[in-house]
Structure formats: C-alpha cells, structure tokens
Amino acid sequence: MPNTKSAVRRVRRVKKQTQINRIRKSKYKTAVKKMDLLLKSGEKAKIKEFFPKFQSILMQVAKSGVVNKKTAARKISKTSKKIK
C-alpha cells in the first residue's frame, strides 16, 4: 500500500500506463503474426501492401519502449529479406 500522496498518484499512473503498454504489445504481436501468415501464404501483393503498416507498427512500439528498438529493427530487416 502506498503511504504518501505522491505514491498514491504514482500507483494510479502506473496502472494506466500498464494498460496502454498491454495494448501496444498486443498490437505488435498481432502485426508479427499477421506478417508471418502472409509470408507462409506467399501472396506477394498482400505482403507488399501490409509491409509499410507492419514497419510502422513495429517502430511505434519500439519508440514507446515496449519493445527494444533493435528487436523491432531486426524483425523488419528479416521480414524485408524474406519478401525479396
């Protein structure tokens, strides 16, 4: 239990931030799974259409710190190699 006024506020803030981070992580995982499915299906047109959005989602999540920037960059790089 928080003992001070500032600790109470901090607990409230952390709770909100945890929810936001969960949403971001979920969005990240969904994008990765969708890209994997598209790569397995082999539909070039859909892959090329989704790739910019995939890249954008990964960089947004990395920018917010939910996922490491290098992890996001590595996933983007590996995916772009598979597309070519």
Protein backbone atom coordinates (compact mmCIF):
# COMPACT_ATOMS: atom_id res chain seq x y z
CA MET A 1 0.00 0.00 0.00
CA PRO A 2 1.26 3.45 -0.88
CA ASN A 3 1.90 5.60 2.17
CA THR A 4 2.26 9.07 0.68
CA LYS A 5 0.09 11.19 -1.56
CA SER A 6 2.60 11.08 -4.39
CA ALA A 7 2.84 7.28 -4.12
CA VAL A 8 -0.94 7.01 -4.46
CA ARG A 9 -0.82 9.14 -7.63
CA ARG A 10 2.07 7.08 -8.93
CA VAL A 11 0.12 3.84 -8.46
CA ARG A 12 -2.77 5.31 -10.44
CA ARG A 13 -0.43 6.44 -13.22
CA VAL A 14 1.34 3.08 -13.40
CA LYS A 15 -2.00 1.29 -13.69
CA LYS A 16 -2.99 3.44 -16.70
CA GLN A 17 0.41 3.06 -18.31
CA THR A 18 0.31 -0.72 -17.87
CA GLN A 19 -2.96 -0.85 -19.79
CA ILE A 20 -1.52 1.27 -22.59
CA ASN A 21 1.61 -0.89 -22.78
CA ARG A 22 -0.53 -4.04 -22.94
CA ILE A 23 -2.45 -2.61 -25.89
CA ARG A 24 0.78 -1.70 -27.66
CA LYS A 25 2.34 -5.10 -27.08
CA SER A 26 -0.81 -6.79 -28.34
CA LYS A 27 -0.77 -4.65 -31.49
CA TYR A 28 2.90 -5.59 -32.02
CA LYS A 29 2.28 -9.32 -31.60
CA THR A 30 -0.75 -9.22 -33.89
CA ALA A 31 1.23 -7.47 -36.62
CA VAL A 32 4.07 -10.01 -36.39
CA LYS A 33 1.63 -12.95 -36.53
CA LYS A 34 -0.24 -11.45 -39.47
CA MET A 35 3.01 -10.91 -41.39
CA ASP A 36 4.09 -14.50 -40.69
CA LEU A 37 0.77 -15.80 -42.02
CA LEU A 38 1.09 -13.65 -45.14
CA LEU A 39 4.64 -14.88 -45.72
CA LYS A 40 3.51 -18.51 -45.37
CA SER A 41 0.61 -17.95 -47.77
CA GLY A 42 3.00 -16.44 -50.33
CA GLU A 43 0.62 -13.73 -51.57
CA LYS A 44 3.11 -11.14 -52.80
CA ALA A 45 0.54 -8.39 -53.38
CA LYS A 46 -0.89 -8.60 -49.87
CA ILE A 47 2.57 -8.81 -48.33
CA LYS A 48 3.77 -5.69 -50.16
CA GLU A 49 0.57 -3.88 -49.18
CA PHE A 50 0.86 -4.79 -45.48
CA PHE A 51 4.64 -4.31 -45.10
CA PRO A 52 4.62 -0.47 -44.65
CA LYS A 53 1.92 -0.77 -41.98
CA PHE A 54 3.86 -3.61 -40.32
CA GLN A 55 7.01 -1.46 -40.28
CA SER A 56 5.09 1.50 -38.87
CA ILE A 57 3.54 -0.52 -36.04
CA LEU A 58 6.88 -2.02 -35.03
CA MET A 59 8.64 1.35 -34.96
CA GLN A 60 5.81 2.98 -32.97
CA VAL A 61 6.01 0.24 -30.35
CA ALA A 62 9.81 0.49 -30.27
CA LYS A 63 9.65 4.26 -29.92
CA SER A 64 7.40 3.96 -26.88
CA GLY A 65 9.83 1.49 -25.29
CA VAL A 66 7.54 -1.51 -25.08
CA VAL A 67 9.90 -3.43 -27.36
CA ASN A 68 13.59 -2.72 -27.83
CA LYS A 69 14.41 -0.65 -30.93
CA LYS A 70 16.97 -3.19 -32.10
CA THR A 71 14.43 -6.01 -31.79
CA ALA A 72 11.97 -4.12 -33.97
CA ALA A 73 14.67 -3.26 -36.50
CA ARG A 74 15.80 -6.90 -36.62
CA LYS A 75 12.24 -8.14 -37.26
CA ILE A 76 11.75 -5.55 -40.02
CA SER A 77 15.06 -6.48 -41.60
CA LYS A 78 14.41 -10.24 -41.55
CA THR A 79 10.93 -9.73 -42.98
CA SER A 80 12.16 -7.48 -45.79
CA LYS A 81 14.75 -10.12 -46.75
CA LYS A 82 12.01 -12.76 -46.94
CA ILE A 83 9.90 -10.52 -49.18
CA LYS A 84 12.62 -10.05 -51.79
